[in-house]
């Protein structure tokens, strides 16, 4: 049996009896309690296999292979592991090949990872030995991405983070002794300059410019359903639409590893219903995929097609159009509903929403100021309250009424009346009993 000992200074160690009945100790340092207990169990398995003269189980063998070099060496010293072979000099190209081959991610994510790999290989070269890279090299590469390549800060941050993940894996594989990216921060991954709230007036013009209901449905799902486009459109099914209860099921490939399997329910918002109903009526018998047949998705160049629709509608091209639509809906939902509902319907956490999605719209400012009219009504309202008066002898209008506010302003006295009025004997102050 192996036992876990907690020292007074906060460090921990594992003790066990080896095959020769000698007590052995493995010092863990200030490893967290849960991790220390897991380590103790692995040591117990290794010691039991050693005493019985049998091979270790597969899980323990895999754990032993993945163990960092320093900790593996401690097991070697107490006889529970064999020394590893001397490290073979690995190159940067080999690291990226091995790291990317081991990933299981969607196509767009893999594209972003390959961009990080290409940027690093362009700068350092594929034949660069991994152990020759240091933290100053990593810092200089980050500067090169920002200044020489001119990438946006958020893009640089994502590429640095991806490189850090690759080098962390190299450390686990014992390909390197130190990780040059361990302490390097990429910077903020959110770019406020590209966060645009898409107002409903402009979006209505965009819908009017759509060539068919297919595009109206795609855009409505993006702007009012908050779906990720195109990844969350592909899995939409008629069997997942509950017309009676008013919701439909969305499956997110991005969240497939979650306990929910990436599934969430989204309300059939009034802004979505008409386009969704029309698509249902046009669907062929037995067709379950919503985007099938004439609604089939051509996933290539969707952004380019959307930009053409913006030009046709006479609205500005948004920096990240589909994400801007999703973010705009996220801001509306958290304003009008509980945050728990808003985040559950869109499938993200409050932390992510606050960092990348939520923003204040012009309507939010008007609402906060108690001005619920639109901009045109406000302009007319201000003009009614403050007409131009080029000559002091011109009187103000007899009555001014705000649009829908329910209050009126009486006619102001003429300038001459005020100028010729005389002060009474009691002066400006009211008479009091003391006087």
Protein backbone atom coordinates (compact mmCIF):
# COMPACT_ATOMS: atom_id res chain seq x y z
CA UNK A 1 0.00 0.00 0.00
CA UNK A 2 1.17 3.51 -0.76
CA UNK A 3 0.37 6.33 1.65
CA UNK A 4 0.16 10.09 1.18
CA UNK A 5 1.88 12.22 3.81
CA UNK A 6 1.12 15.91 4.33
CA UNK A 7 4.02 17.91 5.75
CA UNK A 8 3.54 20.97 7.97
CA UNK A 9 5.13 23.28 5.42
CA UNK A 10 2.47 22.37 2.84
CA UNK A 11 4.50 19.86 0.83
CA UNK A 12 3.38 16.29 0.22
CA UNK A 13 5.12 12.96 -0.29
CA UNK A 14 4.18 9.41 -1.15
CA UNK A 15 5.63 6.46 0.74
CA UNK A 16 5.49 2.81 -0.31
CA UNK A 17 7.30 -0.51 0.25
CA UNK A 18 9.18 -1.87 -2.76
CA UNK A 19 9.74 -5.50 -3.80
CA UNK A 20 12.73 -5.74 -1.44
CA UNK A 21 10.55 -4.56 1.46
CA UNK A 22 12.37 -1.25 1.69
CA UNK A 23 10.41 1.90 2.46
CA UNK A 24 10.68 4.40 -0.36
CA UNK A 25 9.66 8.06 -0.53
CA UNK A 26 8.70 10.22 -3.49
CA UNK A 27 8.54 13.94 -2.78
CA UNK A 28 5.77 15.78 -4.63
CA UNK A 29 6.36 19.32 -3.44
CA UNK A 30 3.26 21.53 -3.01
CA UNK A 31 1.14 19.52 -5.40
CA UNK A 32 -2.63 20.00 -4.88
CA UNK A 33 -4.32 17.40 -2.70
CA UNK A 34 -6.45 15.91 -5.48
CA UNK A 35 -3.47 15.55 -7.84
CA UNK A 36 -1.37 14.10 -5.02
CA UNK A 37 -3.99 11.47 -4.28
CA UNK A 38 -4.16 10.52 -7.96
CA UNK A 39 -0.36 10.21 -8.00
CA UNK A 40 -0.48 7.99 -4.89
CA UNK A 41 -2.89 5.60 -6.61
CA UNK A 42 -0.60 5.31 -9.64
CA UNK A 43 2.39 4.62 -7.40
CA UNK A 44 0.39 1.93 -5.62
CA UNK A 45 -0.41 0.25 -8.96
CA UNK A 46 3.25 0.41 -10.04
CA UNK A 47 4.49 -0.97 -6.71
CA UNK A 48 1.92 -3.80 -6.72
CA UNK A 49 2.88 -4.80 -10.26
CA UNK A 50 6.57 -4.72 -9.31
CA UNK A 51 6.05 -6.95 -6.27
CA UNK A 52 3.93 -9.41 -8.30
CA UNK A 53 6.36 -9.38 -11.21
CA UNK A 54 3.66 -8.49 -13.75
CA UNK A 55 3.25 -5.71 -16.29
CA UNK A 56 1.35 -2.57 -15.33
CA UNK A 57 -2.16 -2.00 -16.63
CA UNK A 58 -2.66 0.02 -19.81
CA UNK A 59 -3.92 3.19 -18.12
CA UNK A 60 -0.97 3.31 -15.73
CA UNK A 61 1.46 2.67 -18.59
CA UNK A 62 -0.08 5.55 -20.58
CA UNK A 63 0.14 7.80 -17.52
CA UNK A 64 3.79 6.87 -17.08
CA UNK A 65 4.57 7.78 -20.69
CA UNK A 66 2.85 11.17 -20.37
CA UNK A 67 4.50 12.02 -17.05
CA UNK A 68 6.75 15.12 -17.17
CA UNK A 69 10.46 14.41 -17.17
CA UNK A 70 11.27 15.63 -13.64
CA UNK A 71 8.53 13.57 -12.01
CA UNK A 72 9.36 10.54 -14.14
CA UNK A 73 12.95 10.76 -12.96
CA UNK A 74 11.78 10.53 -9.32
CA UNK A 75 10.03 7.24 -10.12
CA UNK A 76 13.22 6.01 -11.79
CA UNK A 77 15.20 6.74 -8.61
CA UNK A 78 12.89 4.58 -6.49
CA UNK A 79 12.82 1.77 -9.04
CA UNK A 80 9.26 2.15 -10.28
CA UNK A 81 10.16 3.19 -13.85
CA UNK A 82 12.85 2.58 -16.42
CA UNK A 83 15.06 5.47 -17.56
CA UNK A 84 13.87 7.09 -20.74
CA UNK A 85 16.03 7.18 -23.81
CA UNK A 86 18.00 10.33 -24.43
CA UNK A 87 15.94 13.04 -26.06
CA UNK A 88 16.12 13.08 -29.83
CA UNK A 89 16.59 16.54 -31.22
CA UNK A 90 13.19 17.58 -32.49
CA UNK A 91 12.47 20.36 -34.94
CA UNK A 92 9.76 22.99 -35.08
CA UNK A 93 8.28 21.42 -38.21
CA UNK A 94 8.00 18.04 -36.47
CA UNK A 95 6.22 19.60 -33.53
CA UNK A 96 3.55 21.26 -35.64
CA UNK A 97 3.02 18.13 -37.74
CA UNK A 98 2.56 15.99 -34.63
CA UNK A 99 0.42 18.54 -32.81
CA UNK A 100 -1.97 19.23 -35.70
CA UNK A 101 -2.29 15.53 -36.57
CA UNK A 102 -3.49 14.82 -33.03
CA UNK A 103 -6.27 17.42 -33.03
CA UNK A 104 -9.96 16.70 -33.52
CA UNK A 105 -11.53 20.08 -34.22
CA UNK A 106 -13.86 21.58 -36.79
CA UNK A 107 -12.47 22.75 -40.10
CA UNK A 108 -12.50 26.48 -39.32
CA UNK A 109 -10.61 25.91 -36.06
CA UNK A 110 -8.04 23.76 -37.83
CA UNK A 111 -7.56 26.55 -40.38
CA UNK A 112 -6.78 29.00 -37.56
CA UNK A 113 -4.32 26.55 -35.99
CA UNK A 114 -2.56 26.05 -39.31
CA UNK A 115 -2.26 29.80 -39.70
CA UNK A 116 -0.42 29.94 -36.36
CA UNK A 117 1.85 27.10 -37.49
CA UNK A 118 2.58 28.76 -40.84
CA UNK A 119 3.37 32.07 -39.16
CA UNK A 120 5.87 30.42 -36.82
CA UNK A 121 7.48 28.33 -39.55
CA UNK A 122 7.77 31.40 -41.79
CA UNK A 123 9.65 33.24 -39.06
CA UNK A 124 11.86 30.52 -37.53
CA UNK A 125 12.01 27.86 -40.26
CA UNK A 126 10.80 24.27 -40.07
CA UNK A 127 14.29 22.85 -39.33
CA UNK A 128 14.86 24.97 -36.21
CA UNK A 129 15.62 22.72 -33.20
CA UNK A 130 12.95 23.06 -30.53
CA UNK A 131 15.44 23.25 -27.68
CA UNK A 132 17.14 26.24 -29.33
CA UNK A 133 14.07 28.48 -28.81
CA UNK A 134 13.85 30.66 -25.72
CA UNK A 135 11.34 33.07 -24.23
CA UNK A 136 13.04 36.11 -25.88
CA UNK A 137 12.58 34.32 -29.22
CA UNK A 138 8.87 33.88 -28.49
CA UNK A 139 8.56 37.56 -27.53
CA UNK A 140 10.29 38.65 -30.72
CA UNK A 141 7.97 36.44 -32.80
CA UNK A 142 4.95 38.05 -31.16
CA UNK A 143 6.37 41.51 -31.97
CA UNK A 144 6.94 40.43 -35.59
CA UNK A 145 3.31 39.33 -35.93
CA UNK A 146 2.10 42.67 -34.63
CA UNK A 147 4.50 45.15 -36.18
CA UNK A 148 5.89 43.52 -39.33
CA UNK A 149 2.84 41.55 -40.39
CA UNK A 150 0.44 44.15 -39.07
CA UNK A 151 -2.01 41.70 -37.54
CA UNK A 152 -4.70 42.95 -35.19
CA UNK A 153 -4.01 42.53 -31.44
CA UNK A 154 -6.78 39.95 -31.05
CA UNK A 155 -5.38 37.89 -33.95
CA UNK A 156 -1.87 38.04 -32.50
CA UNK A 157 -3.22 36.93 -29.13
CA UNK A 158 -4.95 33.90 -30.64
CA UNK A 159 -1.85 32.84 -32.60
CA UNK A 160 0.38 33.16 -29.53
CA UNK A 161 -2.10 31.14 -27.49
CA UNK A 162 -2.15 28.37 -30.13
CA UNK A 163 1.66 28.29 -30.19
CA UNK A 164 1.66 28.04 -26.40
CA UNK A 165 -0.64 25.01 -26.57
CA UNK A 166 1.67 23.29 -29.05
CA UNK A 167 4.76 23.90 -26.93
CA UNK A 168 2.97 22.77 -23.77
CA UNK A 169 2.29 19.49 -25.56
CA UNK A 170 5.99 19.26 -26.55
CA UNK A 171 6.89 19.63 -22.87
CA UNK A 172 4.55 16.79 -21.93
CA UNK A 173 6.09 14.62 -24.64
CA UNK A 174 9.56 15.38 -23.23
CA UNK A 175 10.58 16.91 -26.55
CA UNK A 176 11.82 20.02 -24.70
CA UNK A 177 13.06 20.73 -21.18
CA UNK A 178 11.60 24.24 -20.89
CA UNK A 179 8.60 25.89 -22.53
CA UNK A 180 9.45 29.30 -24.09
CA UNK A 181 5.74 30.20 -24.13
CA UNK A 182 5.00 29.25 -20.51
CA UNK A 183 4.96 32.84 -19.20
CA UNK A 184 4.20 34.67 -22.46
CA UNK A 185 0.87 36.44 -22.63
CA UNK A 186 -0.66 36.96 -26.02
CA UNK A 187 -2.86 39.89 -24.98
CA UNK A 188 -6.62 40.44 -25.23
CA UNK A 189 -8.44 38.24 -27.74
CA UNK A 190 -11.46 40.55 -28.01
CA UNK A 191 -11.40 43.50 -30.42
CA UNK A 192 -13.90 46.22 -29.37
CA UNK A 193 -13.37 48.10 -32.64
CA UNK A 194 -15.06 45.25 -34.54
CA UNK A 195 -17.99 44.95 -32.14
CA UNK A 196 -20.94 46.57 -33.92
CA UNK A 197 -24.58 46.58 -32.85
CA UNK A 198 -26.80 45.90 -35.89
CA UNK A 199 -29.98 47.91 -35.45
CA UNK A 200 -33.31 46.56 -36.57
CA UNK A 201 -33.94 49.28 -39.16
CA UNK A 202 -30.80 48.41 -41.14
CA UNK A 203 -31.47 44.70 -40.73
CA UNK A 204 -35.03 45.09 -42.08
CA UNK A 205 -33.58 46.72 -45.19
CA UNK A 206 -31.18 43.79 -45.52
CA UNK A 207 -34.03 41.29 -45.32
CA UNK A 208 -35.91 43.21 -48.01
CA UNK A 209 -32.88 42.87 -50.28
CA UNK A 210 -32.71 39.05 -49.88
CA UNK A 211 -33.33 37.17 -53.16
CA UNK A 212 -35.35 34.36 -51.50
CA UNK A 213 -36.67 32.99 -48.23
CA UNK A 214 -33.57 30.82 -47.83
CA UNK A 215 -31.42 33.87 -47.25
CA UNK A 216 -34.10 35.50 -45.09
CA UNK A 217 -34.12 32.38 -42.89
CA UNK A 218 -30.31 32.27 -42.64
CA UNK A 219 -30.10 35.92 -41.63
CA UNK A 220 -33.07 35.73 -39.25
CA UNK A 221 -31.54 32.74 -37.47
CA UNK A 222 -28.25 34.62 -37.18
CA UNK A 223 -29.68 37.98 -36.06
CA UNK A 224 -32.69 36.90 -33.96
CA UNK A 225 -31.84 33.30 -33.09
CA UNK A 226 -28.20 34.12 -32.33
CA UNK A 227 -26.97 31.02 -34.16
CA UNK A 228 -23.36 30.55 -35.18
CA UNK A 229 -23.19 30.68 -38.97
CA UNK A 230 -22.62 28.42 -40.77
CA UNK A 231 -21.69 25.66 -38.28
CA UNK A 232 -24.99 25.60 -36.35
CA UNK A 233 -27.17 25.75 -39.46
CA UNK A 234 -25.94 22.44 -40.84
CA UNK A 235 -27.49 20.26 -38.12
CA UNK A 236 -30.91 21.95 -37.90
CA UNK A 237 -33.70 19.39 -38.34
CA UNK A 238 -37.47 19.59 -38.64
CA UNK A 239 -37.69 16.79 -36.09
CA UNK A 240 -36.04 19.18 -33.64
CA UNK A 241 -38.71 21.88 -34.05
CA UNK A 242 -41.49 21.93 -31.45
CA UNK A 243 -44.13 24.26 -32.86
CA UNK A 244 -46.55 23.74 -29.94
CA UNK A 245 -44.06 24.68 -27.22
CA UNK A 246 -42.24 27.26 -29.33
CA UNK A 247 -38.65 26.07 -29.49
CA UNK A 248 -36.19 24.30 -31.78
CA UNK A 249 -33.03 22.31 -31.09
CA UNK A 250 -29.60 23.56 -32.10
CA UNK A 251 -26.54 21.29 -32.13
CA UNK A 252 -23.25 23.17 -31.85
CA UNK A 253 -20.12 21.38 -33.14
CA UNK A 254 -18.10 23.80 -31.02
CA UNK A 255 -19.73 22.45 -27.83
CA UNK A 256 -19.83 18.77 -28.80
CA UNK A 257 -17.50 17.83 -25.92
CA UNK A 258 -19.84 19.30 -23.30
CA UNK A 259 -22.12 17.13 -21.17
CA UNK A 260 -25.06 18.31 -23.28
CA UNK A 261 -23.40 17.12 -26.48
CA UNK A 262 -23.62 20.68 -27.75
CA UNK A 263 -27.45 20.62 -27.78
CA UNK A 264 -29.56 23.57 -26.67
CA UNK A 265 -33.10 24.81 -27.18
CA UNK A 266 -33.75 28.18 -28.78
CA UNK A 267 -37.16 29.88 -28.74
CA UNK A 268 -38.96 30.33 -32.04
CA UNK A 269 -38.86 34.08 -31.67
CA UNK A 270 -41.57 36.03 -33.54
CA UNK A 271 -38.88 37.47 -35.82
CA UNK A 272 -37.94 33.91 -36.92
CA UNK A 273 -41.34 32.25 -37.18
CA UNK A 274 -42.49 33.51 -40.60
CA UNK A 275 -39.33 32.51 -42.47
CA UNK A 276 -39.21 29.17 -40.64
CA UNK A 277 -42.84 28.41 -41.48
CA UNK A 278 -42.30 29.22 -45.14
CA UNK A 279 -39.27 26.91 -45.24
CA UNK A 280 -41.36 24.16 -43.60
CA UNK A 281 -44.09 24.53 -46.20
CA UNK A 282 -41.51 24.30 -49.00
CA UNK A 283 -39.70 21.24 -47.55
CA UNK A 284 -40.07 17.96 -49.46
CA UNK A 285 -41.90 15.00 -47.95
CA UNK A 286 -39.65 13.03 -45.59
CA UNK A 287 -36.95 15.70 -45.61
CA UNK A 288 -35.60 16.21 -42.10
CA UNK A 289 -32.68 18.59 -42.59
CA UNK A 290 -33.95 22.17 -42.65
CA UNK A 291 -31.21 23.26 -45.01
CA UNK A 292 -31.69 20.60 -47.67
CA UNK A 293 -33.04 20.64 -51.22
CA UNK A 294 -33.38 24.20 -52.47
CA UNK A 295 -32.51 25.36 -48.96
CA UNK A 296 -29.25 23.42 -49.09
CA UNK A 297 -26.32 25.37 -47.72
CA UNK A 298 -23.54 26.51 -50.00
CA UNK A 299 -21.10 27.18 -47.17
CA UNK A 300 -18.43 28.74 -49.34
CA UNK A 301 -18.28 32.50 -49.75
CA UNK A 302 -21.26 33.17 -47.48
CA UNK A 303 -19.54 36.27 -46.19
CA UNK A 304 -18.97 37.54 -49.74
CA UNK A 305 -22.61 36.94 -50.63
CA UNK A 306 -23.72 38.76 -47.51
CA UNK A 307 -21.55 41.76 -48.39
CA UNK A 308 -23.26 41.94 -51.78
CA UNK A 309 -26.65 41.90 -50.05
CA UNK A 310 -25.50 44.77 -47.81
CA UNK A 311 -24.51 46.78 -50.87
CA UNK A 312 -27.86 46.03 -52.51
CA UNK A 313 -29.73 47.10 -49.36
CA UNK A 314 -27.66 50.26 -49.00
CA UNK A 315 -26.39 49.40 -45.51
CA UNK A 316 -22.83 49.41 -44.25
CA UNK A 317 -20.78 46.24 -44.41
CA UNK A 318 -20.27 45.06 -40.85
CA UNK A 319 -16.74 44.04 -39.77
CA UNK A 320 -17.68 40.49 -38.73
CA UNK A 321 -21.23 40.34 -40.02
CA UNK A 322 -22.49 36.99 -38.74
CA UNK A 323 -20.75 37.37 -35.39
CA UNK A 324 -22.03 40.95 -35.15
CA UNK A 325 -25.57 39.61 -35.65
CA UNK A 326 -25.09 37.03 -32.91
CA UNK A 327 -23.58 39.63 -30.58
CA UNK A 328 -26.43 42.07 -31.26
CA UNK A 329 -28.98 39.42 -30.32
CA UNK A 330 -27.02 38.52 -27.19
CA UNK A 331 -27.15 42.18 -26.10
CA UNK A 332 -30.91 42.35 -26.69
CA UNK A 333 -31.65 39.12 -24.86
CA UNK A 334 -29.67 39.99 -21.74
CA UNK A 335 -31.46 43.34 -21.69
CA UNK A 336 -34.96 41.87 -21.97
CA UNK A 337 -34.55 38.50 -20.20
CA UNK A 338 -32.65 36.94 -17.31
CA UNK A 339 -28.96 36.39 -18.04
CA UNK A 340 -29.45 32.66 -17.40
CA UNK A 341 -31.99 32.49 -20.23
CA UNK A 342 -29.99 34.70 -22.59
CA UNK A 343 -26.81 32.63 -22.25
CA UNK A 344 -28.61 29.26 -22.33
CA UNK A 345 -30.45 30.15 -25.55
CA UNK A 346 -27.27 31.27 -27.30
CA UNK A 347 -25.00 28.59 -25.86
CA UNK A 348 -22.23 30.55 -24.20
CA UNK A 349 -21.17 31.50 -20.68
CA UNK A 350 -21.77 34.94 -19.11
CA UNK A 351 -18.00 35.48 -19.06
CA UNK A 352 -17.66 34.90 -22.80
CA UNK A 353 -20.76 36.97 -23.50
CA UNK A 354 -19.44 39.93 -21.51
CA UNK A 355 -16.05 39.74 -23.22
CA UNK A 356 -17.14 39.20 -26.82
CA UNK A 357 -20.87 39.90 -27.25
CA UNK A 358 -22.66 42.23 -24.88
CA UNK A 359 -22.68 45.92 -25.76
CA UNK A 360 -24.97 48.94 -25.30
CA UNK A 361 -27.04 49.89 -28.34
CA UNK A 362 -28.21 53.44 -29.16
CA UNK A 363 -31.69 52.35 -28.08
CA UNK A 364 -30.26 51.35 -24.66
CA UNK A 365 -29.00 54.91 -24.16
CA UNK A 366 -32.35 56.39 -25.17
CA UNK A 367 -34.19 54.00 -22.90
CA UNK A 368 -31.87 54.80 -19.97
CA UNK A 369 -32.52 58.51 -20.54
CA UNK A 370 -36.28 57.92 -20.66
CA UNK A 371 -36.42 58.76 -24.35
CA UNK A 372 -38.20 55.88 -25.99
CA UNK A 373 -38.99 57.59 -29.27
CA UNK A 374 -36.86 56.96 -32.28
CA UNK A 375 -34.35 59.50 -33.50
CA UNK A 376 -36.76 61.17 -35.94
CA UNK A 377 -39.38 61.74 -33.25
CA UNK A 378 -36.74 63.08 -30.89
CA UNK A 379 -35.61 65.59 -33.48
CA UNK A 380 -39.18 66.77 -34.04
CA UNK A 381 -39.74 66.92 -30.30
CA UNK A 382 -36.65 69.06 -29.74
CA UNK A 383 -37.62 71.35 -32.59
CA UNK A 384 -41.10 71.80 -31.11
CA UNK A 385 -39.71 72.70 -27.70
CA UNK A 386 -36.98 75.03 -28.96
CA UNK A 387 -38.02 76.86 -32.18
CA UNK A 388 -35.70 79.52 -33.46
CA UNK A 389 -36.45 83.07 -32.26
CA UNK A 390 -34.25 85.52 -34.20
CA UNK A 391 -35.94 88.62 -32.70
CA UNK A 392 -36.71 89.10 -29.03
CA UNK A 393 -40.09 90.58 -29.94
CA UNK A 394 -41.13 87.21 -31.46
CA UNK A 395 -43.31 85.31 -29.03
CA UNK A 396 -42.99 81.60 -28.37
CA UNK A 397 -45.83 79.35 -29.64
CA UNK A 398 -48.87 79.34 -27.42
CA UNK A 399 -48.68 75.62 -26.70
CA UNK A 400 -45.99 72.96 -27.04
CA UNK A 401 -46.87 69.30 -26.59
CA UNK A 402 -44.31 66.48 -26.65
CA UNK A 403 -45.02 63.42 -28.83
CA UNK A 404 -46.88 60.98 -26.62
CA UNK A 405 -45.44 62.32 -23.37
CA UNK A 406 -48.75 63.79 -22.10
CA UNK A 407 -47.42 67.10 -20.87
CA UNK A 408 -47.76 70.65 -22.28
CA UNK A 409 -45.85 73.86 -21.92
CA UNK A 410 -47.91 77.07 -21.56
CA UNK A 411 -47.22 80.04 -23.79
CA UNK A 412 -44.24 82.01 -22.59
CA UNK A 413 -44.82 85.73 -21.87
CA UNK A 414 -43.53 88.12 -24.48
CA UNK A 415 -40.15 89.72 -24.03
CA UNK A 416 -41.59 93.27 -23.90
CA UNK A 417 -44.00 92.27 -21.15
CA UNK A 418 -41.15 91.04 -18.98
CA UNK A 419 -38.96 94.02 -19.83
CA UNK A 420 -41.65 96.61 -18.89
CA UNK A 421 -42.94 94.89 -15.75
CA UNK A 422 -42.36 96.75 -12.46
CA UNK A 423 -41.50 95.30 -9.08
CA UNK A 424 -44.14 95.79 -6.43
CA UNK A 425 -43.60 97.45 -3.09
CA UNK A 426 -43.08 94.16 -1.37
CA UNK A 427 -40.04 93.40 -3.51
CA UNK A 428 -39.12 90.01 -4.91
CA UNK A 429 -39.31 88.06 -1.66
CA UNK A 430 -42.70 86.99 -0.26
CA UNK A 431 -44.01 88.76 2.79
CA UNK A 432 -43.52 86.89 6.06
CA UNK A 433 -44.96 87.42 9.53
CA UNK A 434 -41.62 88.62 10.79
CA UNK A 435 -41.69 91.49 8.35
